[in-house]
Amino acid sequence: MKYSVLGPTGVRVSRICVGTATFGVAPSAHEADSVVGAALDLGINFFDTADVYGSTSTFDRPGAPPAAERASAEEILGRSLAGRRDEVVLATKSGSGGSIRMPVSRAGTSSSRSSKACAGCALTASTSITRISLIRTRPWSRPLPSTTI
């Protein structure tokens, strides 16, 4: 696996990041254990999640449990990382609301809101996991530029 250092932080991350937006749907909560385990075994140490991933109706699909019955992607990832959390760098995020992905009730980019969002992250509570906090401020409809590390 190839790794990069994130700027002056010294944090070393794999160049491949596992996104968890659909954890609980595809893969199912049970299958996520295998996905996370395989990623860690391959040297992938970088995972991306958010408090609105997995357990909102945005991710409803035929054959998957409805949103109200699914655990969040953070919770699923936390269970899948049991005993291996010290190997992981986690990107989590909060941001402006009003989109299909970020309800207004979870909106805000103030330092207070961002701190509360990170402190409330189901995955990182009571652990020393390395966490990268991102704040989403761009409109969802505008494409993001292509970037590489």
Protein backbone atom coordinates (compact mmCIF):
# COMPACT_ATOMS: atom_id res chain seq x y z
CA MET A 1 0.00 0.00 0.00
CA LYS A 2 1.21 3.50 -0.74
CA TYR A 3 0.84 6.19 1.91
CA SER A 4 0.95 9.97 2.05
CA VAL A 5 1.53 12.35 4.93
CA LEU A 6 -1.17 14.97 5.39
CA GLY A 7 0.70 18.27 5.27
CA PRO A 8 2.56 19.29 8.40
CA THR A 9 0.41 17.06 10.64
CA GLY A 10 2.62 14.00 10.25
CA VAL A 11 -0.52 11.86 9.95
CA ARG A 12 0.20 8.99 7.53
CA VAL A 13 -2.77 7.78 5.50
CA SER A 14 -3.19 5.18 2.79
CA ARG A 15 -3.76 6.67 -0.65
CA ILE A 16 -6.93 4.63 -0.83
CA CYS A 17 -9.75 5.68 1.49
CA VAL A 18 -12.76 3.46 2.21
CA GLY A 19 -16.02 5.40 2.01
CA THR A 20 -18.82 4.20 4.24
CA ALA A 21 -21.81 6.19 2.94
CA THR A 22 -23.81 3.06 2.10
CA PHE A 23 -22.73 0.83 4.99
CA GLY A 24 -25.86 -0.91 6.24
CA VAL A 25 -27.32 -1.05 2.72
CA ALA A 26 -24.50 -2.19 0.43
CA PRO A 27 -22.62 -3.72 2.09
CA SER A 28 -25.05 -4.86 4.77
CA ALA A 29 -24.02 -4.33 8.38
CA HIS A 30 -22.83 -7.95 8.50
CA GLU A 31 -20.90 -7.73 5.22
CA ALA A 32 -19.21 -4.49 6.33
CA ASP A 33 -17.06 -6.52 8.76
CA SER A 34 -15.51 -8.37 5.80
CA VAL A 35 -15.02 -5.16 3.79
CA VAL A 36 -13.30 -3.37 6.69
CA GLY A 37 -11.21 -6.42 7.59
CA ALA A 38 -10.03 -6.88 4.00
CA ALA A 39 -9.17 -3.18 3.72
CA LEU A 40 -7.11 -3.26 6.92
CA ASP A 41 -5.38 -6.47 5.83
CA LEU A 42 -4.39 -4.72 2.57
CA GLY A 43 -2.90 -1.81 4.53
CA ILE A 44 -5.74 0.65 4.02
CA ASN A 45 -5.90 2.77 7.16
CA PHE A 46 -8.07 5.67 5.98
CA PHE A 47 -11.87 5.59 6.35
CA ASP A 48 -14.45 8.26 5.54
CA THR A 49 -17.78 8.56 7.34
CA ALA A 50 -20.36 11.07 8.57
CA ASP A 51 -23.25 11.10 11.01
CA VAL A 52 -25.78 11.11 8.16
CA TYR A 53 -24.35 8.11 6.32
CA GLY A 54 -26.19 4.83 6.10
CA SER A 55 -29.21 5.39 8.32
CA THR A 56 -31.08 8.07 6.39
CA SER A 57 -33.76 7.44 3.77
CA THR A 58 -31.39 8.76 1.09
CA PHE A 59 -29.76 5.32 1.14
CA ASP A 60 -32.96 3.22 1.05
CA ARG A 61 -32.78 0.48 -1.57
CA PRO A 62 -34.95 -2.55 -2.39
CA GLY A 63 -33.97 -5.50 -0.21
CA ALA A 64 -32.31 -3.38 2.48
CA PRO A 65 -33.89 -2.62 5.85
CA PRO A 66 -35.61 0.79 5.99
CA ALA A 67 -33.61 3.71 7.38
CA ALA A 68 -35.34 3.63 10.76
CA GLU A 69 -34.14 0.04 11.29
CA ARG A 70 -30.52 0.54 10.17
CA ALA A 71 -27.55 1.47 12.32
CA SER A 72 -25.57 4.48 11.12
CA ALA A 73 -22.44 3.92 9.06
CA GLU A 74 -20.44 5.27 12.02
CA GLU A 75 -21.90 2.59 14.31
CA ILE A 76 -21.34 -0.18 11.76
CA LEU A 77 -17.76 0.95 11.14
CA GLY A 78 -17.13 1.16 14.89
CA ARG A 79 -18.22 -2.45 15.38
CA SER A 80 -16.17 -3.58 12.39
CA LEU A 81 -13.06 -1.90 13.78
CA ALA A 82 -13.33 -3.53 17.21
CA GLY A 83 -9.83 -4.31 18.44
CA ARG A 84 -8.18 -2.53 15.50
CA ARG A 85 -9.10 1.13 16.03
CA ASP A 86 -5.50 2.11 16.72
CA GLU A 87 -4.68 1.27 13.07
CA VAL A 88 -7.17 3.76 11.62
CA VAL A 89 -7.35 7.39 10.53
CA LEU A 90 -10.95 8.53 10.29
CA ALA A 91 -12.32 11.40 8.21
CA THR A 92 -15.67 12.56 9.52
CA LYS A 93 -17.60 15.65 8.66
CA SER A 94 -20.29 18.14 9.47
CA GLY A 95 -21.50 21.16 7.62
CA SER A 96 -24.22 23.33 6.23
CA GLY A 97 -27.64 21.73 6.00
CA GLY A 98 -30.69 21.84 3.87
CA SER A 99 -29.58 19.24 1.34
CA ILE A 100 -30.77 15.69 0.96
CA ARG A 101 -27.59 14.52 2.70
CA MET A 102 -27.40 17.04 5.54
CA PRO A 103 -30.72 17.93 7.16
CA VAL A 104 -31.10 21.49 8.44
CA SER A 105 -31.34 20.09 11.99
CA ARG A 106 -27.67 19.09 11.74
CA ALA A 107 -26.57 22.28 10.01
CA GLY A 108 -23.89 24.73 10.95
CA THR A 109 -20.24 25.37 10.37
CA SER A 110 -19.42 27.35 13.50
CA SER A 111 -16.54 26.08 15.62
CA SER A 112 -19.07 25.18 18.32
CA ARG A 113 -21.23 23.11 15.93
CA SER A 114 -18.19 21.43 14.41
CA SER A 115 -16.77 20.54 17.83
CA LYS A 116 -20.13 19.12 18.92
CA ALA A 117 -20.42 17.08 15.73
CA CYS A 118 -16.96 15.56 16.22
CA ALA A 119 -17.48 14.97 19.93
CA GLY A 120 -20.77 13.24 19.12
CA CYS A 121 -19.29 10.96 16.49
CA ALA A 122 -20.55 7.51 17.45
CA LEU A 123 -17.36 5.90 16.19
CA THR A 124 -14.78 8.03 17.97
CA ALA A 125 -16.44 8.34 21.36
CA SER A 126 -14.22 6.96 24.14
CA THR A 127 -11.30 6.13 21.88
CA SER A 128 -8.00 7.65 20.84
CA ILE A 129 -8.61 7.11 17.13
CA THR A 130 -6.94 9.68 14.86
CA ARG A 131 -9.71 11.87 13.49
CA ILE A 132 -9.73 14.36 10.64
CA SER A 133 -12.69 16.72 10.88
CA LEU A 134 -14.02 18.17 7.64
CA ILE A 135 -16.56 20.94 7.24
CA ARG A 136 -18.73 20.83 4.13
CA THR A 137 -19.58 24.30 2.83
CA ARG A 138 -19.90 23.86 -0.95
CA PRO A 139 -23.29 23.33 -2.57
CA TRP A 140 -23.89 19.61 -3.22
CA SER A 141 -24.91 20.38 -6.79
CA ARG A 142 -21.53 21.87 -7.71
CA PRO A 143 -18.94 19.25 -8.75
CA LEU A 144 -15.77 19.08 -6.71
CA PRO A 145 -12.43 19.44 -8.45
CA SER A 146 -10.41 16.27 -8.94
CA THR A 147 -7.59 15.96 -6.41
CA THR A 148 -4.89 13.45 -5.53
CA ILE A 149 -2.48 13.08 -2.64
